[in-house]
């Protein structure tokens, strides 16, 4: 029998019915706060683990305060792209 999240959700009411009534229902599309925290930390770890992403992130942060607005905007776009690249491994 597979141990997937759907399997656990189906088994939980049988194991602890009182606790199931107390726990709020979540919509299937939104992650829980814990899942969000884990995803955020996974991105940070992946950026720190990969030297290319770490260097890009450092340069982008330094470029945010640049006098030239075009360079600052480019740094902002790069800072947004680094976490996305970290998660597409």
PDB file of N, CA and C in Angstrom:
ATOM      1  N   UNK A   1       0.848  -1.184   0.000  1.00  0.00           N
ATOM      2  CA  UNK A   1       0.000   0.000   0.000  1.00  0.00           C
ATOM      3  C   UNK A   1       0.894   1.248   0.000  1.00  0.00           C
ATOM      4  N   UNK A   2       0.693   2.178  -0.940  1.00  0.00           N
ATOM      5  CA  UNK A   2       1.552   3.362  -1.011  1.00  0.00           C
ATOM      6  C   UNK A   2       1.312   4.306   0.157  1.00  0.00           C
ATOM      7  N   UNK A   3       2.351   4.999   0.525  1.00  0.00           N
ATOM      8  CA  UNK A   3       2.269   5.951   1.647  1.00  0.00           C
ATOM      9  C   UNK A   3       2.251   7.381   1.113  1.00  0.00           C
ATOM     10  N   UNK A   4       1.253   7.705   0.352  1.00  0.00           N
ATOM     11  CA  UNK A   4       1.133   9.040  -0.228  1.00  0.00           C
ATOM     12  C   UNK A   4       0.301   9.931   0.696  1.00  0.00           C
ATOM     13  N   UNK A   5       0.350  11.268   0.478  1.00  0.00           N
ATOM     14  CA  UNK A   5      -0.480  12.154   1.295  1.00  0.00           C
ATOM     15  C   UNK A   5      -1.962  11.799   1.245  1.00  0.00           C
ATOM     16  N   UNK A   6      -2.451  11.365   0.080  1.00  0.00           N
ATOM     17  CA  UNK A   6      -3.866  11.006  -0.004  1.00  0.00           C
ATOM     18  C   UNK A   6      -4.160   9.768   0.845  1.00  0.00           C
ATOM     19  N   UNK A   7      -3.211   8.852   0.919  1.00  0.00           N
ATOM     20  CA  UNK A   7      -3.371   7.672   1.761  1.00  0.00           C
ATOM     21  C   UNK A   7      -3.469   8.087   3.226  1.00  0.00           C
ATOM     22  N   UNK A   8      -2.612   9.028   3.634  1.00  0.00           N
ATOM     23  CA  UNK A   8      -2.635   9.494   5.024  1.00  0.00           C
ATOM     24  C   UNK A   8      -3.930  10.232   5.340  1.00  0.00           C
ATOM     25  N   UNK A   9      -4.379  11.057   4.414  1.00  0.00           N
ATOM     26  CA  UNK A   9      -5.642  11.767   4.646  1.00  0.00           C
ATOM     27  C   UNK A   9      -6.801  10.801   4.789  1.00  0.00           C
ATOM     28  N   UNK A  10      -6.779   9.726   4.015  1.00  0.00           N
ATOM     29  CA  UNK A  10      -7.857   8.746   4.099  1.00  0.00           C
ATOM     30  C   UNK A  10      -7.780   7.937   5.396  1.00  0.00           C
ATOM     31  N   UNK A  11      -6.575   7.675   5.876  1.00  0.00           N
ATOM     32  CA  UNK A  11      -6.400   6.853   7.075  1.00  0.00           C
ATOM     33  C   UNK A  11      -6.572   7.655   8.369  1.00  0.00           C
ATOM     34  N   UNK A  12      -6.327   8.949   8.321  1.00  0.00           N
ATOM     35  CA  UNK A  12      -6.341   9.744   9.551  1.00  0.00           C
ATOM     36  C   UNK A  12      -7.673   9.697  10.298  1.00  0.00           C
ATOM     37  N   UNK A  13      -8.824   9.830   9.639  1.00  0.00           N
ATOM     38  CA  UNK A  13     -10.085   9.780  10.405  1.00  0.00           C
ATOM     39  C   UNK A  13     -10.289   8.457  11.137  1.00  0.00           C
ATOM     40  N   UNK A  14      -9.767   7.378  10.598  1.00  0.00           N
ATOM     41  CA  UNK A  14      -9.901   6.081  11.276  1.00  0.00           C
ATOM     42  C   UNK A  14      -8.993   6.005  12.501  1.00  0.00           C
ATOM     43  N   UNK A  15      -7.843   6.637  12.424  1.00  0.00           N
ATOM     44  CA  UNK A  15      -6.879   6.571  13.531  1.00  0.00           C
ATOM     45  C   UNK A  15      -7.243   7.519  14.672  1.00  0.00           C
ATOM     46  N   UNK A  16      -7.707   8.708  14.331  1.00  0.00           N
ATOM     47  CA  UNK A  16      -7.982   9.708  15.355  1.00  0.00           C
ATOM     48  C   UNK A  16      -9.176  10.574  14.957  1.00  0.00           C
ATOM     49  N   UNK A  17     -10.399  10.065  15.113  1.00  0.00           N
ATOM     50  CA  UNK A  17     -11.571  10.827  14.684  1.00  0.00           C
ATOM     51  C   UNK A  17     -11.748  12.150  15.425  1.00  0.00           C
ATOM     52  N   UNK A  18     -11.430  12.196  16.706  1.00  0.00           N
ATOM     53  CA  UNK A  18     -11.605  13.436  17.469  1.00  0.00           C
ATOM     54  C   UNK A  18     -10.675  14.526  16.951  1.00  0.00           C
ATOM     55  N   UNK A  19      -9.474  14.149  16.632  1.00  0.00           N
ATOM     56  CA  UNK A  19      -8.514  15.119  16.132  1.00  0.00           C
ATOM     57  C   UNK A  19      -8.883  15.604  14.732  1.00  0.00           C
ATOM     58  N   UNK A  20      -9.468  14.749  13.945  1.00  0.00           N
ATOM     59  CA  UNK A  20      -9.887  15.122  12.595  1.00  0.00           C
ATOM     60  C   UNK A  20     -10.953  16.202  12.649  1.00  0.00           C
ATOM     61  N   UNK A  21     -11.854  16.107  13.590  1.00  0.00           N
ATOM     62  CA  UNK A  21     -12.908  17.122  13.715  1.00  0.00           C
ATOM     63  C   UNK A  21     -12.334  18.473  14.113  1.00  0.00           C
ATOM     64  N   UNK A  22     -11.254  18.460  14.907  1.00  0.00           N
ATOM     65  CA  UNK A  22     -10.661  19.713  15.360  1.00  0.00           C
ATOM     66  C   UNK A  22      -9.838  20.394  14.289  1.00  0.00           C
ATOM     67  N   UNK A  23      -9.210  19.637  13.398  1.00  0.00           N
ATOM     68  CA  UNK A  23      -8.302  20.233  12.427  1.00  0.00           C
ATOM     69  C   UNK A  23      -9.075  20.928  11.315  1.00  0.00           C
ATOM     70  N   UNK A  24      -8.660  22.151  10.985  1.00  0.00           N
ATOM     71  CA  UNK A  24      -9.359  22.885   9.926  1.00  0.00           C
ATOM     72  C   UNK A  24      -9.051  22.290   8.558  1.00  0.00           C
ATOM     73  N   UNK A  25      -9.976  22.410   7.659  1.00  0.00           N
ATOM     74  CA  UNK A  25      -9.789  21.924   6.285  1.00  0.00           C
ATOM     75  C   UNK A  25      -9.031  22.975   5.490  1.00  0.00           C
ATOM     76  N   UNK A  26      -8.149  22.523   4.642  1.00  0.00           N
ATOM     77  CA  UNK A  26      -7.408  23.412   3.751  1.00  0.00           C
ATOM     78  C   UNK A  26      -7.856  23.161   2.330  1.00  0.00           C
ATOM     79  N   UNK A  27      -7.830  24.206   1.549  1.00  0.00           N
ATOM     80  CA  UNK A  27      -8.128  23.997   0.134  1.00  0.00           C
ATOM     81  C   UNK A  27      -6.949  23.262  -0.482  1.00  0.00           C
ATOM     82  N   UNK A  28      -7.208  22.464  -1.463  1.00  0.00           N
ATOM     83  CA  UNK A  28      -6.159  21.616  -2.025  1.00  0.00           C
ATOM     84  C   UNK A  28      -5.084  22.420  -2.739  1.00  0.00           C
ATOM     85  N   UNK A  29      -5.369  23.651  -3.154  1.00  0.00           N
ATOM     86  CA  UNK A  29      -4.403  24.428  -3.910  1.00  0.00           C
ATOM     87  C   UNK A  29      -3.432  25.238  -3.079  1.00  0.00           C
ATOM     88  N   UNK A  30      -3.736  25.503  -1.820  1.00  0.00           N
ATOM     89  CA  UNK A  30      -2.859  26.366  -1.033  1.00  0.00           C
ATOM     90  C   UNK A  30      -2.011  25.541  -0.070  1.00  0.00           C
ATOM     91  N   UNK A  31      -0.708  25.832  -0.028  1.00  0.00           N
ATOM     92  CA  UNK A  31       0.154  25.099   0.899  1.00  0.00           C
ATOM     93  C   UNK A  31      -0.057  25.574   2.333  1.00  0.00           C
ATOM     94  N   UNK A  32       0.207  24.704   3.265  1.00  0.00           N
ATOM     95  CA  UNK A  32       0.096  25.072   4.674  1.00  0.00           C
ATOM     96  C   UNK A  32       1.274  25.979   5.028  1.00  0.00           C
ATOM     97  N   UNK A  33       1.227  26.652   6.171  1.00  0.00           N
ATOM     98  CA  UNK A  33       2.359  27.479   6.580  1.00  0.00           C
ATOM     99  C   UNK A  33       3.656  26.678   6.700  1.00  0.00           C
ATOM    100  N   UNK A  34       3.567  25.464   7.166  1.00  0.00           N
ATOM    101  CA  UNK A  34       4.763  24.632   7.294  1.00  0.00           C
ATOM    102  C   UNK A  34       5.321  24.286   5.915  1.00  0.00           C
ATOM    103  N   UNK A  35       4.443  23.949   4.971  1.00  0.00           N
ATOM    104  CA  UNK A  35       4.900  23.649   3.621  1.00  0.00           C
ATOM    105  C   UNK A  35       5.547  24.874   2.983  1.00  0.00           C
ATOM    106  N   UNK A  36       4.983  26.041   3.223  1.00  0.00           N
ATOM    107  CA  UNK A  36       5.571  27.278   2.693  1.00  0.00           C
ATOM    108  C   UNK A  36       6.950  27.521   3.273  1.00  0.00           C
ATOM    109  N   UNK A  37       7.090  27.295   4.585  1.00  0.00           N
ATOM    110  CA  UNK A  37       8.378  27.485   5.240  1.00  0.00           C
ATOM    111  C   UNK A  37       9.413  26.507   4.682  1.00  0.00           C
ATOM    112  N   UNK A  38       9.023  25.250   4.488  1.00  0.00           N
ATOM    113  CA  UNK A  38       9.944  24.243   3.959  1.00  0.00           C
ATOM    114  C   UNK A  38      10.376  24.618   2.545  1.00  0.00           C
ATOM    115  N   UNK A  39       9.463  25.088   1.725  1.00  0.00           N
ATOM    116  CA  UNK A  39       9.791  25.497   0.366  1.00  0.00           C
ATOM    117  C   UNK A  39      10.760  26.675   0.362  1.00  0.00           C
ATOM    118  N   UNK A  40      10.521  27.647   1.234  1.00  0.00           N
ATOM    119  CA  UNK A  40      11.413  28.796   1.336  1.00  0.00           C
ATOM    120  C   UNK A  40      12.816  28.368   1.748  1.00  0.00           C
ATOM    121  N   UNK A  41      12.903  27.509   2.744  1.00  0.00           N
ATOM    122  CA  UNK A  41      14.218  27.038   3.195  1.00  0.00           C
ATOM    123  C   UNK A  41      14.903  26.195   2.128  1.00  0.00           C
ATOM    124  N   UNK A  42      14.150  25.400   1.393  1.00  0.00           N
ATOM    125  CA  UNK A  42      14.734  24.585   0.317  1.00  0.00           C
ATOM    126  C   UNK A  42      15.342  25.482  -0.756  1.00  0.00           C
ATOM    127  N   UNK A  43      14.665  26.582  -1.074  1.00  0.00           N
ATOM    128  CA  UNK A  43      15.226  27.527  -2.043  1.00  0.00           C
ATOM    129  C   UNK A  43      16.515  28.137  -1.532  1.00  0.00           C
ATOM    130  N   UNK A  44      16.510  28.584  -0.286  1.00  0.00           N
ATOM    131  CA  UNK A  44      17.709  29.194   0.289  1.00  0.00           C
ATOM    132  C   UNK A  44      18.883  28.220   0.310  1.00  0.00           C
ATOM    133  N   UNK A  45      18.612  26.975   0.660  1.00  0.00           N
ATOM    134  CA  UNK A  45      19.673  25.969   0.709  1.00  0.00           C
ATOM    135  C   UNK A  45      20.213  25.702  -0.678  1.00  0.00           C
ATOM    136  N   UNK A  46      19.337  25.602  -1.664  1.00  0.00           N
ATOM    137  CA  UNK A  46      19.769  25.330  -3.036  1.00  0.00           C
ATOM    138  C   UNK A  46      20.594  26.487  -3.584  1.00  0.00           C
ATOM    139  N   UNK A  47      20.210  27.718  -3.269  1.00  0.00           N
ATOM    140  CA  UNK A  47      20.994  28.878  -3.709  1.00  0.00           C
ATOM    141  C   UNK A  47      22.376  28.861  -3.055  1.00  0.00           C
ATOM    142  N   UNK A  48      22.433  28.559  -1.776  1.00  0.00           N
ATOM    143  CA  UNK A  48      23.719  28.508  -1.078  1.00  0.00           C
ATOM    144  C   UNK A  48      24.582  27.342  -1.571  1.00  0.00           C
ATOM    145  N   UNK A  49      23.951  26.265  -1.975  1.00  0.00           N
ATOM    146  CA  UNK A  49      24.681  25.077  -2.417  1.00  0.00           C
ATOM    147  C   UNK A  49      25.312  25.260  -3.792  1.00  0.00           C
ATOM    148  N   UNK A  50      24.671  26.043  -4.644  1.00  0.00           N
ATOM    149  CA  UNK A  50      25.153  26.219  -6.016  1.00  0.00           C
ATOM    150  C   UNK A  50      25.907  27.540  -6.141  1.00  0.00           C
ATOM    151  N   UNK A  51      27.215  27.494  -6.405  1.00  0.00           N
ATOM    152  CA  UNK A  51      28.021  28.725  -6.466  1.00  0.00           C
ATOM    153  C   UNK A  51      27.528  29.725  -7.518  1.00  0.00           C
ATOM    154  N   UNK A  52      27.052  29.239  -8.666  1.00  0.00           N
ATOM    155  CA  UNK A  52      26.584  30.166  -9.703  1.00  0.00           C
ATOM    156  C   UNK A  52      25.384  30.972  -9.223  1.00  0.00           C
ATOM    157  N   UNK A  53      24.444  30.315  -8.582  1.00  0.00           N
ATOM    158  CA  UNK A  53      23.263  31.029  -8.076  1.00  0.00           C
ATOM    159  C   UNK A  53      23.607  31.934  -6.904  1.00  0.00           C
ATOM    160  N   UNK A  54      24.497  31.481  -6.057  1.00  0.00           N
ATOM    161  CA  UNK A  54      24.911  32.286  -4.907  1.00  0.00           C
ATOM    162  C   UNK A  54      25.582  33.577  -5.371  1.00  0.00           C
ATOM    163  N   UNK A  55      26.448  33.465  -6.368  1.00  0.00           N
ATOM    164  CA  UNK A  55      27.134  34.643  -6.905  1.00  0.00           C
ATOM    165  C   UNK A  55      26.146  35.593  -7.565  1.00  0.00           C
ATOM    166  N   UNK A  56      25.219  35.059  -8.359  1.00  0.00           N
ATOM    167  CA  UNK A  56      24.212  35.902  -9.007  1.00  0.00           C
ATOM    168  C   UNK A  56      23.355  36.627  -7.980  1.00  0.00           C
ATOM    169  N   UNK A  57      22.995  35.912  -6.919  1.00  0.00           N
ATOM    170  CA  UNK A  57      22.161  36.501  -5.877  1.00  0.00           C
ATOM    171  C   UNK A  57      22.906  37.643  -5.173  1.00  0.00           C
ATOM    172  N   UNK A  58      24.177  37.429  -4.867  1.00  0.00           N
ATOM    173  CA  UNK A  58      24.986  38.454  -4.211  1.00  0.00           C
ATOM    174  C   UNK A  58      25.129  39.684  -5.091  1.00  0.00           C
ATOM    175  N   UNK A  59      25.416  39.470  -6.377  1.00  0.00           N
ATOM    176  CA  UNK A  59      25.558  40.599  -7.302  1.00  0.00           C
ATOM    177  C   UNK A  59      24.230  41.328  -7.488  1.00  0.00           C
ATOM    178  N   UNK A  60      23.150  40.602  -7.547  1.00  0.00           N
ATOM    179  CA  UNK A  60      21.838  41.231  -7.717  1.00  0.00           C
ATOM    180  C   UNK A  60      21.484  42.076  -6.500  1.00  0.00           C
ATOM    181  N   UNK A  61      21.760  41.573  -5.309  1.00  0.00           N
ATOM    182  CA  UNK A  61      21.474  42.364  -4.099  1.00  0.00           C
ATOM    183  C   UNK A  61      22.303  43.640  -4.066  1.00  0.00           C
ATOM    184  N   UNK A  62      23.562  43.529  -4.495  1.00  0.00           N
ATOM    185  CA  UNK A  62      24.428  44.715  -4.517  1.00  0.00           C
ATOM    186  C   UNK A  62      23.956  45.717  -5.570  1.00  0.00           C
ATOM    187  N   UNK A  63      23.376  45.232  -6.661  1.00  0.00           N
ATOM    188  CA  UNK A  63      22.940  46.120  -7.732  1.00  0.00           C
ATOM    189  C   UNK A  63      21.596  46.785  -7.503  1.00  0.00           C
ATOM    190  N   UNK A  64      20.886  46.401  -6.467  1.00  0.00           N
ATOM    191  CA  UNK A  64      19.570  47.000  -6.213  1.00  0.00           C
ATOM    192  C   UNK A  64      19.652  48.486  -5.905  1.00  0.00           C
ATOM    193  N   UNK A  65      20.747  48.934  -5.324  1.00  0.00           N
ATOM    194  CA  UNK A  65      20.911  50.345  -4.939  1.00  0.00           C
ATOM    195  C   UNK A  65      21.692  51.133  -5.977  1.00  0.00           C
ATOM    196  N   UNK A  66      21.843  50.588  -7.184  1.00  0.00           N
ATOM    197  CA  UNK A  66      22.641  51.259  -8.216  1.00  0.00           C
ATOM    198  C   UNK A  66      21.984  52.571  -8.635  1.00  0.00           C
ATOM    199  N   UNK A  67      22.827  53.547  -9.014  1.00  0.00           N
ATOM    200  CA  UNK A  67      22.316  54.857  -9.426  1.00  0.00           C
ATOM    201  C   UNK A  67      21.551  54.778 -10.744  1.00  0.00           C
ATOM    202  N   UNK A  68      21.992  53.908 -11.628  1.00  0.00           N
ATOM    203  CA  UNK A  68      21.333  53.762 -12.927  1.00  0.00           C
ATOM    204  C   UNK A  68      20.068  52.911 -12.744  1.00  0.00           C
ATOM    205  N   UNK A  69      18.895  53.489 -13.018  1.00  0.00           N
ATOM    206  CA  UNK A  69      17.660  52.741 -12.794  1.00  0.00           C
ATOM    207  C   UNK A  69      17.546  51.476 -13.652  1.00  0.00           C
ATOM    208  N   UNK A  70      18.128  51.480 -14.825  1.00  0.00           N
ATOM    209  CA  UNK A  70      18.078  50.286 -15.679  1.00  0.00           C
ATOM    210  C   UNK A  70      18.872  49.137 -15.070  1.00  0.00           C
ATOM    211  N   UNK A  71      20.034  49.453 -14.492  1.00  0.00           N
ATOM    212  CA  UNK A  71      20.828  48.415 -13.843  1.00  0.00           C
ATOM    213  C   UNK A  71      20.152  47.915 -12.564  1.00  0.00           C
ATOM    214  N   UNK A  72      19.516  48.828 -11.833  1.00  0.00           N
ATOM    215  CA  UNK A  72      18.801  48.427 -10.625  1.00  0.00           C
ATOM    216  C   UNK A  72      17.610  47.543 -10.984  1.00  0.00           C
ATOM    217  N   UNK A  73      16.912  47.861 -12.066  1.00  0.00           N
ATOM    218  CA  UNK A  73      15.784  47.045 -12.505  1.00  0.00           C
ATOM    219  C   UNK A  73      16.254  45.670 -12.971  1.00  0.00           C
ATOM    220  N   UNK A  74      17.384  45.634 -13.654  1.00  0.00           N
ATOM    221  CA  UNK A  74      17.948  44.357 -14.088  1.00  0.00           C
ATOM    222  C   UNK A  74      18.329  43.497 -12.880  1.00  0.00           C
ATOM    223  N   UNK A  75      18.893  44.133 -11.866  1.00  0.00           N
ATOM    224  CA  UNK A  75      19.253  43.407 -10.641  1.00  0.00           C
ATOM    225  C   UNK A  75      18.010  42.859  -9.958  1.00  0.00           C
ATOM    226  N   UNK A  76      16.939  43.630  -9.963  1.00  0.00           N
ATOM    227  CA  UNK A  76      15.687  43.185  -9.349  1.00  0.00           C
ATOM    228  C   UNK A  76      15.117  41.974 -10.085  1.00  0.00           C
ATOM    229  N   UNK A  77      15.148  42.018 -11.416  1.00  0.00           N
ATOM    230  CA  UNK A  77      14.677  40.869 -12.199  1.00  0.00           C
ATOM    231  C   UNK A  77      15.539  39.639 -11.932  1.00  0.00           C
ATOM    232  N   UNK A  78      16.847  39.846 -11.860  1.00  0.00           N
ATOM    233  CA  UNK A  78      17.750  38.725 -11.603  1.00  0.00           C
ATOM    234  C   UNK A  78      17.520  38.155 -10.209  1.00  0.00           C
ATOM    235  N   UNK A  79      17.271  39.024  -9.242  1.00  0.00           N
ATOM    236  CA  UNK A  79      17.002  38.563  -7.875  1.00  0.00           C
ATOM    237  C   UNK A  79      15.713  37.748  -7.813  1.00  0.00           C
ATOM    238  N   UNK A  80      14.758  38.052  -8.654  1.00  0.00           N
ATOM    239  CA  UNK A  80      13.528  37.264  -8.720  1.00  0.00           C
ATOM    240  C   UNK A  80      13.703  35.956  -9.473  1.00  0.00           C
ATOM    241  N   UNK A  81      14.632  35.931 -10.426  1.00  0.00           N
ATOM    242  CA  UNK A  81      14.835  34.731 -11.242  1.00  0.00           C
ATOM    243  C   UNK A  81      15.674  33.672 -10.523  1.00  0.00           C
ATOM    244  N   UNK A  82      16.547  34.085  -9.632  1.00  0.00           N
ATOM    245  CA  UNK A  82      17.447  33.135  -8.949  1.00  0.00           C
ATOM    246  C   UNK A  82      16.664  32.085  -8.153  1.00  0.00           C
ATOM    247  N   UNK A  83      15.691  32.452  -7.304  1.00  0.00           N
ATOM    248  CA  UNK A  83      14.947  31.409  -6.576  1.00  0.00           C
ATOM    249  C   UNK A  83      14.181  30.461  -7.495  1.00  0.00           C
ATOM    250  N   UNK A  84      13.656  31.000  -8.599  1.00  0.00           N
ATOM    251  CA  UNK A  84      12.945  30.133  -9.541  1.00  0.00           C
ATOM    252  C   UNK A  84      13.891  29.114 -10.169  1.00  0.00           C
ATOM    253  N   UNK A  85      15.091  29.573 -10.531  1.00  0.00           N
ATOM    254  CA  UNK A  85      16.071  28.646 -11.104  1.00  0.00           C
ATOM    255  C   UNK A  85      16.514  27.606 -10.077  1.00  0.00           C
ATOM    256  N   UNK A  86      16.598  28.014  -8.817  1.00  0.00           N
ATOM    257  CA  UNK A  86      17.029  27.088  -7.773  1.00  0.00           C
ATOM    258  C   UNK A  86      16.063  25.917  -7.632  1.00  0.00           C
ATOM    259  N   UNK A  87      14.800  26.159  -7.892  1.00  0.00           N
ATOM    260  CA  UNK A  87      13.809  25.104  -7.722  1.00  0.00           C
ATOM    261  C   UNK A  87      13.545  24.294  -8.990  1.00  0.00           C
ATOM    262  N   UNK A  88      14.196  24.649 -10.096  1.00  0.00           N
ATOM    263  CA  UNK A  88      14.009  23.894 -11.329  1.00  0.00           C
ATOM    264  C   UNK A  88      15.207  23.001 -11.596  1.00  0.00           C
ATOM    265  N   UNK A  89      15.593  22.280 -10.593  1.00  0.00           N
ATOM    266  CA  UNK A  89      16.739  21.365 -10.713  1.00  0.00           C
ATOM    267  C   UNK A  89      16.267  20.007 -11.125  1.00  0.00           C
TER     268      UNK A  89
END
